[in-house]
Amino acid sequence: SQGHSDAVRRIAGVKDARQYTIPVDSALAA
């Protein structure tokens, strides 16, 4: 998620970051 990655990078002390969105397997199975 480019927007969420950017939100993390804006935190003081963060040099760079990547954020991944991941489906919950049990929810998908249901």
PDB file of all heavy atoms in Angstrom:
ATOM      1  N   SER A   1       0.862  -1.182   0.000  1.00  0.00           N
ATOM      2  CA  SER A   1       0.000   0.000   0.000  1.00  0.00           C
ATOM      3  C   SER A   1       0.894   1.225   0.000  1.00  0.00           C
ATOM      4  O   SER A   1       1.608   1.490   0.975  1.00  0.00           O
ATOM      5  CB  SER A   1      -0.909   0.012   1.233  1.00  0.00           C
ATOM      6  OG  SER A   1      -1.568   1.251   1.336  1.00  0.00           O
ATOM      7  N   GLN A   2       0.875   1.980  -1.110  1.00  0.00           N
ATOM      8  CA  GLN A   2       1.765   3.127  -1.217  1.00  0.00           C
ATOM      9  C   GLN A   2       1.379   4.231  -0.227  1.00  0.00           C
ATOM     10  O   GLN A   2       2.234   4.895   0.350  1.00  0.00           O
ATOM     11  CB  GLN A   2       1.755   3.647  -2.651  1.00  0.00           C
ATOM     12  CG  GLN A   2       2.315   2.625  -3.638  1.00  0.00           C
ATOM     13  CD  GLN A   2       2.296   3.091  -5.072  1.00  0.00           C
ATOM     14  OE1 GLN A   2       3.174   3.824  -5.496  1.00  0.00           O
ATOM     15  NE2 GLN A   2       1.287   2.673  -5.818  1.00  0.00           N
ATOM     16  N   GLY A   3       0.068   4.437  -0.013  1.00  0.00           N
ATOM     17  CA  GLY A   3      -0.378   5.457   0.924  1.00  0.00           C
ATOM     18  C   GLY A   3      -0.006   5.137   2.359  1.00  0.00           C
ATOM     19  O   GLY A   3       0.434   6.005   3.124  1.00  0.00           O
ATOM     20  N   HIS A   4      -0.171   3.876   2.759  1.00  0.00           N
ATOM     21  CA  HIS A   4       0.177   3.477   4.120  1.00  0.00           C
ATOM     22  C   HIS A   4       1.689   3.488   4.328  1.00  0.00           C
ATOM     23  O   HIS A   4       2.174   3.834   5.405  1.00  0.00           O
ATOM     24  CB  HIS A   4      -0.395   2.087   4.422  1.00  0.00           C
ATOM     25  CG  HIS A   4      -1.871   2.091   4.666  1.00  0.00           C
ATOM     26  ND1 HIS A   4      -2.780   2.343   3.674  1.00  0.00           N
ATOM     27  CD2 HIS A   4      -2.590   1.884   5.802  1.00  0.00           C
ATOM     28  CE1 HIS A   4      -4.004   2.284   4.184  1.00  0.00           C
ATOM     29  NE2 HIS A   4      -3.906   2.017   5.465  1.00  0.00           N
ATOM     30  N   SER A   5       2.435   3.111   3.285  1.00  0.00           N
ATOM     31  CA  SER A   5       3.901   3.172   3.389  1.00  0.00           C
ATOM     32  C   SER A   5       4.349   4.613   3.613  1.00  0.00           C
ATOM     33  O   SER A   5       5.247   4.889   4.425  1.00  0.00           O
ATOM     34  CB  SER A   5       4.540   2.616   2.112  1.00  0.00           C
ATOM     35  OG  SER A   5       4.206   1.252   1.916  1.00  0.00           O
ATOM     36  N   ASP A   6       3.721   5.535   2.899  1.00  0.00           N
ATOM     37  CA  ASP A   6       4.066   6.939   3.050  1.00  0.00           C
ATOM     38  C   ASP A   6       3.738   7.444   4.452  1.00  0.00           C
ATOM     39  O   ASP A   6       4.481   8.241   5.038  1.00  0.00           O
ATOM     40  CB  ASP A   6       3.335   7.769   1.997  1.00  0.00           C
ATOM     41  CG  ASP A   6       3.715   9.242   2.051  1.00  0.00           C
ATOM     42  OD1 ASP A   6       4.895   9.550   1.804  1.00  0.00           O
ATOM     43  OD2 ASP A   6       2.840  10.073   2.332  1.00  0.00           O
ATOM     44  N   ALA A   7       2.617   6.955   5.002  1.00  0.00           N
ATOM     45  CA  ALA A   7       2.236   7.373   6.355  1.00  0.00           C
ATOM     46  C   ALA A   7       3.282   6.940   7.375  1.00  0.00           C
ATOM     47  O   ALA A   7       3.601   7.685   8.315  1.00  0.00           O
ATOM     48  CB  ALA A   7       0.873   6.785   6.715  1.00  0.00           C
ATOM     49  N   VAL A   8       3.843   5.758   7.201  1.00  0.00           N
ATOM     50  CA  VAL A   8       4.894   5.291   8.111  1.00  0.00           C
ATOM     51  C   VAL A   8       6.154   6.131   7.935  1.00  0.00           C
ATOM     52  O   VAL A   8       6.819   6.506   8.914  1.00  0.00           O
ATOM     53  CB  VAL A   8       5.200   3.798   7.866  1.00  0.00           C
ATOM     54  CG1 VAL A   8       6.375   3.349   8.736  1.00  0.00           C
ATOM     55  CG2 VAL A   8       3.979   2.938   8.162  1.00  0.00           C
ATOM     56  N   ARG A   9       6.499   6.463   6.697  1.00  0.00           N
ATOM     57  CA  ARG A   9       7.710   7.244   6.443  1.00  0.00           C
ATOM     58  C   ARG A   9       7.647   8.638   7.063  1.00  0.00           C
ATOM     59  O   ARG A   9       8.681   9.271   7.281  1.00  0.00           O
ATOM     60  CB  ARG A   9       7.954   7.351   4.930  1.00  0.00           C
ATOM     61  CG  ARG A   9       8.482   6.063   4.313  1.00  0.00           C
ATOM     62  CD  ARG A   9       8.999   6.294   2.911  1.00  0.00           C
ATOM     63  NE  ARG A   9       7.924   6.546   1.965  1.00  0.00           N
ATOM     64  CZ  ARG A   9       7.324   5.594   1.240  1.00  0.00           C
ATOM     65  NH1 ARG A   9       7.679   4.326   1.374  1.00  0.00           N
ATOM     66  NH2 ARG A   9       6.370   5.912   0.392  1.00  0.00           N
ATOM     67  N   ARG A  10       6.446   9.126   7.338  1.00  0.00           N
ATOM     68  CA  ARG A  10       6.297  10.461   7.914  1.00  0.00           C
ATOM     69  C   ARG A  10       6.508  10.486   9.436  1.00  0.00           C
ATOM     70  O   ARG A  10       6.527  11.555  10.044  1.00  0.00           O
ATOM     71  CB  ARG A  10       4.916  11.031   7.570  1.00  0.00           C
ATOM     72  CG  ARG A  10       4.758  11.321   6.082  1.00  0.00           C
ATOM     73  CD  ARG A  10       3.338  11.752   5.731  1.00  0.00           C
ATOM     74  NE  ARG A  10       3.189  11.920   4.287  1.00  0.00           N
ATOM     75  CZ  ARG A  10       3.415  13.054   3.636  1.00  0.00           C
ATOM     76  NH1 ARG A  10       3.815  14.121   4.308  1.00  0.00           N
ATOM     77  NH2 ARG A  10       3.260  13.126   2.334  1.00  0.00           N
ATOM     78  N   ILE A  11       6.653   9.324  10.045  1.00  0.00           N
ATOM     79  CA  ILE A  11       6.893   9.262  11.489  1.00  0.00           C
ATOM     80  C   ILE A  11       8.339   9.665  11.777  1.00  0.00           C
ATOM     81  O   ILE A  11       9.270   9.242  11.081  1.00  0.00           O
ATOM     82  CB  ILE A  11       6.619   7.831  12.016  1.00  0.00           C
ATOM     83  CG1 ILE A  11       5.123   7.503  11.878  1.00  0.00           C
ATOM     84  CG2 ILE A  11       7.063   7.693  13.468  1.00  0.00           C
ATOM     85  CD1 ILE A  11       4.785   6.068  12.237  1.00  0.00           C
ATOM     86  N   ALA A  12       8.528  10.485  12.780  1.00  0.00           N
ATOM     87  CA  ALA A  12       9.881  10.934  13.151  1.00  0.00           C
ATOM     88  C   ALA A  12      10.767   9.740  13.460  1.00  0.00           C
ATOM     89  O   ALA A  12      10.382   8.837  14.214  1.00  0.00           O
ATOM     90  CB  ALA A  12       9.798  11.866  14.366  1.00  0.00           C
ATOM     91  N   GLY A  13      11.958   9.743  12.865  1.00  0.00           N
ATOM     92  CA  GLY A  13      12.908   8.660  13.090  1.00  0.00           C
ATOM     93  C   GLY A  13      12.862   7.562  12.048  1.00  0.00           C
ATOM     94  O   GLY A  13      13.714   6.675  12.046  1.00  0.00           O
ATOM     95  N   VAL A  14      11.865   7.610  11.143  1.00  0.00           N
ATOM     96  CA  VAL A  14      11.761   6.599  10.076  1.00  0.00           C
ATOM     97  C   VAL A  14      12.458   7.118   8.829  1.00  0.00           C
ATOM     98  O   VAL A  14      12.156   8.206   8.334  1.00  0.00           O
ATOM     99  CB  VAL A  14      10.285   6.258   9.772  1.00  0.00           C
ATOM    100  CG1 VAL A  14      10.195   5.351   8.549  1.00  0.00           C
ATOM    101  CG2 VAL A  14       9.644   5.590  10.981  1.00  0.00           C
ATOM    102  N   LYS A  15      13.373   6.323   8.318  1.00  0.00           N
ATOM    103  CA  LYS A  15      14.109   6.691   7.115  1.00  0.00           C
ATOM    104  C   LYS A  15      13.410   6.199   5.857  1.00  0.00           C
ATOM    105  O   LYS A  15      13.366   6.891   4.840  1.00  0.00           O
ATOM    106  CB  LYS A  15      15.527   6.116   7.184  1.00  0.00           C
ATOM    107  CG  LYS A  15      16.462   6.576   6.081  1.00  0.00           C
ATOM    108  CD  LYS A  15      17.872   6.058   6.332  1.00  0.00           C
ATOM    109  CE  LYS A  15      18.841   6.564   5.267  1.00  0.00           C
ATOM    110  NZ  LYS A  15      20.220   6.051   5.518  1.00  0.00           N
ATOM    111  N   ASP A  16      12.862   4.992   5.909  1.00  0.00           N
ATOM    112  CA  ASP A  16      12.134   4.431   4.770  1.00  0.00           C
ATOM    113  C   ASP A  16      11.259   3.300   5.287  1.00  0.00           C
ATOM    114  O   ASP A  16      11.499   2.763   6.384  1.00  0.00           O
ATOM    115  CB  ASP A  16      13.102   3.909   3.705  1.00  0.00           C
ATOM    116  CG  ASP A  16      12.467   3.836   2.314  1.00  0.00           C
ATOM    117  OD1 ASP A  16      11.232   4.042   2.216  1.00  0.00           O
ATOM    118  OD2 ASP A  16      13.190   3.569   1.342  1.00  0.00           O
ATOM    119  N   ALA A  17      10.235   2.924   4.498  1.00  0.00           N
ATOM    120  CA  ALA A  17       9.324   1.874   4.955  1.00  0.00           C
ATOM    121  C   ALA A  17       8.480   1.340   3.805  1.00  0.00           C
ATOM    122  O   ALA A  17       8.232   2.056   2.826  1.00  0.00           O
ATOM    123  CB  ALA A  17       8.407   2.405   6.066  1.00  0.00           C
ATOM    124  N   ARG A  18       8.054   0.089   3.951  1.00  0.00           N
ATOM    125  CA  ARG A  18       7.055  -0.510   3.067  1.00  0.00           C
ATOM    126  C   ARG A  18       5.990  -1.160   3.940  1.00  0.00           C
ATOM    127  O   ARG A  18       6.309  -1.791   4.953  1.00  0.00           O
ATOM    128  CB  ARG A  18       7.657  -1.581   2.157  1.00  0.00           C
ATOM    129  CG  ARG A  18       8.729  -1.100   1.224  1.00  0.00           C
ATOM    130  CD  ARG A  18       8.206  -0.208   0.104  1.00  0.00           C
ATOM    131  NE  ARG A  18       9.285   0.088  -0.829  1.00  0.00           N
ATOM    132  CZ  ARG A  18      10.209   1.024  -0.639  1.00  0.00           C
ATOM    133  NH1 ARG A  18      10.164   1.775   0.465  1.00  0.00           N
ATOM    134  NH2 ARG A  18      11.165   1.225  -1.519  1.00  0.00           N
ATOM    135  N   GLN A  19       4.735  -1.005   3.525  1.00  0.00           N
ATOM    136  CA  GLN A  19       3.640  -1.620   4.267  1.00  0.00           C
ATOM    137  C   GLN A  19       2.870  -2.548   3.347  1.00  0.00           C
ATOM    138  O   GLN A  19       2.512  -2.177   2.220  1.00  0.00           O
ATOM    139  CB  GLN A  19       2.711  -0.545   4.833  1.00  0.00           C
ATOM    140  CG  GLN A  19       1.615  -1.092   5.741  1.00  0.00           C
ATOM    141  CD  GLN A  19       0.361  -1.489   4.990  1.00  0.00           C
ATOM    142  OE1 GLN A  19      -0.095  -0.770   4.116  1.00  0.00           O
ATOM    143  NE2 GLN A  19      -0.205  -2.640   5.304  1.00  0.00           N
ATOM    144  N   TYR A  20       2.604  -3.756   3.824  1.00  0.00           N
ATOM    145  CA  TYR A  20       1.857  -4.745   3.058  1.00  0.00           C
ATOM    146  C   TYR A  20       0.481  -4.970   3.686  1.00  0.00           C
ATOM    147  O   TYR A  20       0.350  -5.096   4.910  1.00  0.00           O
ATOM    148  CB  TYR A  20       2.600  -6.085   3.025  1.00  0.00           C
ATOM    149  CG  TYR A  20       3.894  -6.058   2.248  1.00  0.00           C
ATOM    150  CD1 TYR A  20       5.073  -5.638   2.850  1.00  0.00           C
ATOM    151  CD2 TYR A  20       3.937  -6.450   0.915  1.00  0.00           C
ATOM    152  CE1 TYR A  20       6.266  -5.605   2.144  1.00  0.00           C
ATOM    153  CE2 TYR A  20       5.130  -6.425   0.193  1.00  0.00           C
ATOM    154  CZ  TYR A  20       6.284  -5.997   0.818  1.00  0.00           C
ATOM    155  OH  TYR A  20       7.467  -5.972   0.120  1.00  0.00           O
ATOM    156  N   THR A  21      -0.537  -5.013   2.828  1.00  0.00           N
ATOM    157  CA  THR A  21      -1.877  -5.400   3.235  1.00  0.00           C
ATOM    158  C   THR A  21      -2.048  -6.881   2.924  1.00  0.00           C
ATOM    159  O   THR A  21      -1.742  -7.326   1.806  1.00  0.00           O
ATOM    160  CB  THR A  21      -2.932  -4.574   2.482  1.00  0.00           C
ATOM    161  OG1 THR A  21      -2.718  -3.191   2.749  1.00  0.00           O
ATOM    162  CG2 THR A  21      -4.339  -4.964   2.905  1.00  0.00           C
ATOM    163  N   ILE A  22      -2.546  -7.652   3.905  1.00  0.00           N
ATOM    164  CA  ILE A  22      -2.594  -9.111   3.780  1.00  0.00           C
ATOM    165  C   ILE A  22      -3.980  -9.610   4.161  1.00  0.00           C
ATOM    166  O   ILE A  22      -4.456  -9.344   5.275  1.00  0.00           O
ATOM    167  CB  ILE A  22      -1.547  -9.773   4.692  1.00  0.00           C
ATOM    168  CG1 ILE A  22      -0.148  -9.188   4.408  1.00  0.00           C
ATOM    169  CG2 ILE A  22      -1.544 -11.288   4.509  1.00  0.00           C
ATOM    170  CD1 ILE A  22       0.883  -9.539   5.458  1.00  0.00           C
ATOM    171  N   PRO A  23      -4.681 -10.346   3.283  1.00  0.00           N
ATOM    172  CA  PRO A  23      -5.972 -10.926   3.665  1.00  0.00           C
ATOM    173  C   PRO A  23      -5.808 -11.969   4.769  1.00  0.00           C
ATOM    174  O   PRO A  23      -4.799 -12.677   4.824  1.00  0.00           O
ATOM    175  CB  PRO A  23      -6.457 -11.590   2.364  1.00  0.00           C
ATOM    176  CG  PRO A  23      -5.672 -10.954   1.277  1.00  0.00           C
ATOM    177  CD  PRO A  23      -4.348 -10.606   1.876  1.00  0.00           C
ATOM    178  N   VAL A  24      -6.794 -12.068   5.649  1.00  0.00           N
ATOM    179  CA  VAL A  24      -6.799 -13.085   6.698  1.00  0.00           C
ATOM    180  C   VAL A  24      -7.311 -14.388   6.094  1.00  0.00           C
ATOM    181  O   VAL A  24      -8.432 -14.447   5.582  1.00  0.00           O
ATOM    182  CB  VAL A  24      -7.671 -12.641   7.883  1.00  0.00           C
ATOM    183  CG1 VAL A  24      -7.796 -13.760   8.915  1.00  0.00           C
ATOM    184  CG2 VAL A  24      -7.097 -11.378   8.532  1.00  0.00           C
ATOM    185  N   ASP A  25      -6.495 -15.424   6.149  1.00  0.00           N
ATOM    186  CA  ASP A  25      -6.827 -16.692   5.491  1.00  0.00           C
ATOM    187  C   ASP A  25      -8.137 -17.296   5.987  1.00  0.00           C
ATOM    188  O   ASP A  25      -8.927 -17.817   5.202  1.00  0.00           O
ATOM    189  CB  ASP A  25      -5.692 -17.703   5.694  1.00  0.00           C
ATOM    190  CG  ASP A  25      -4.442 -17.363   4.884  1.00  0.00           C
ATOM    191  OD1 ASP A  25      -4.573 -16.615   3.892  1.00  0.00           O
ATOM    192  OD2 ASP A  25      -3.345 -17.831   5.252  1.00  0.00           O
ATOM    193  N   SER A  26      -8.375 -17.214   7.290  1.00  0.00           N
ATOM    194  CA  SER A  26      -9.588 -17.829   7.847  1.00  0.00           C
ATOM    195  C   SER A  26     -10.843 -17.117   7.360  1.00  0.00           C
ATOM    196  O   SER A  26     -11.885 -17.747   7.110  1.00  0.00           O
ATOM    197  CB  SER A  26      -9.541 -17.834   9.375  1.00  0.00           C
ATOM    198  OG  SER A  26      -9.410 -16.511   9.876  1.00  0.00           O
ATOM    199  N   ALA A  27     -10.761 -15.792   7.218  1.00  0.00           N
ATOM    200  CA  ALA A  27     -11.915 -15.041   6.719  1.00  0.00           C
ATOM    201  C   ALA A  27     -12.195 -15.396   5.269  1.00  0.00           C
ATOM    202  O   ALA A  27     -13.350 -15.604   4.873  1.00  0.00           O
ATOM    203  CB  ALA A  27     -11.643 -13.544   6.847  1.00  0.00           C
ATOM    204  N   LEU A  28     -11.138 -15.468   4.456  1.00  0.00           N
ATOM    205  CA  LEU A  28     -11.304 -15.838   3.058  1.00  0.00           C
ATOM    206  C   LEU A  28     -11.858 -17.251   2.928  1.00  0.00           C
ATOM    207  O   LEU A  28     -12.739 -17.504   2.095  1.00  0.00           O
ATOM    208  CB  LEU A  28      -9.955 -15.722   2.339  1.00  0.00           C
ATOM    209  CG  LEU A  28      -9.918 -16.013   0.847  1.00  0.00           C
ATOM    210  CD1 LEU A  28     -10.903 -15.146   0.083  1.00  0.00           C
ATOM    211  CD2 LEU A  28      -8.501 -15.801   0.313  1.00  0.00           C
ATOM    212  N   ALA A  29     -11.392 -18.164   3.764  1.00  0.00           N
ATOM    213  CA  ALA A  29     -11.888 -19.547   3.718  1.00  0.00           C
ATOM    214  C   ALA A  29     -13.372 -19.610   4.064  1.00  0.00           C
ATOM    215  O   ALA A  29     -14.135 -20.375   3.453  1.00  0.00           O
ATOM    216  CB  ALA A  29     -11.079 -20.412   4.677  1.00  0.00           C
ATOM    217  N   ALA A  30     -13.806 -18.790   5.012  1.00  0.00           N
ATOM    218  CA  ALA A  30     -15.221 -18.780   5.403  1.00  0.00           C
ATOM    219  C   ALA A  30     -16.102 -18.271   4.267  1.00  0.00           C
ATOM    220  O   ALA A  30     -17.203 -18.788   4.028  1.00  0.00           O
ATOM    221  CB  ALA A  30     -15.408 -17.924   6.649  1.00  0.00           C
TER     222      ALA A  30
END
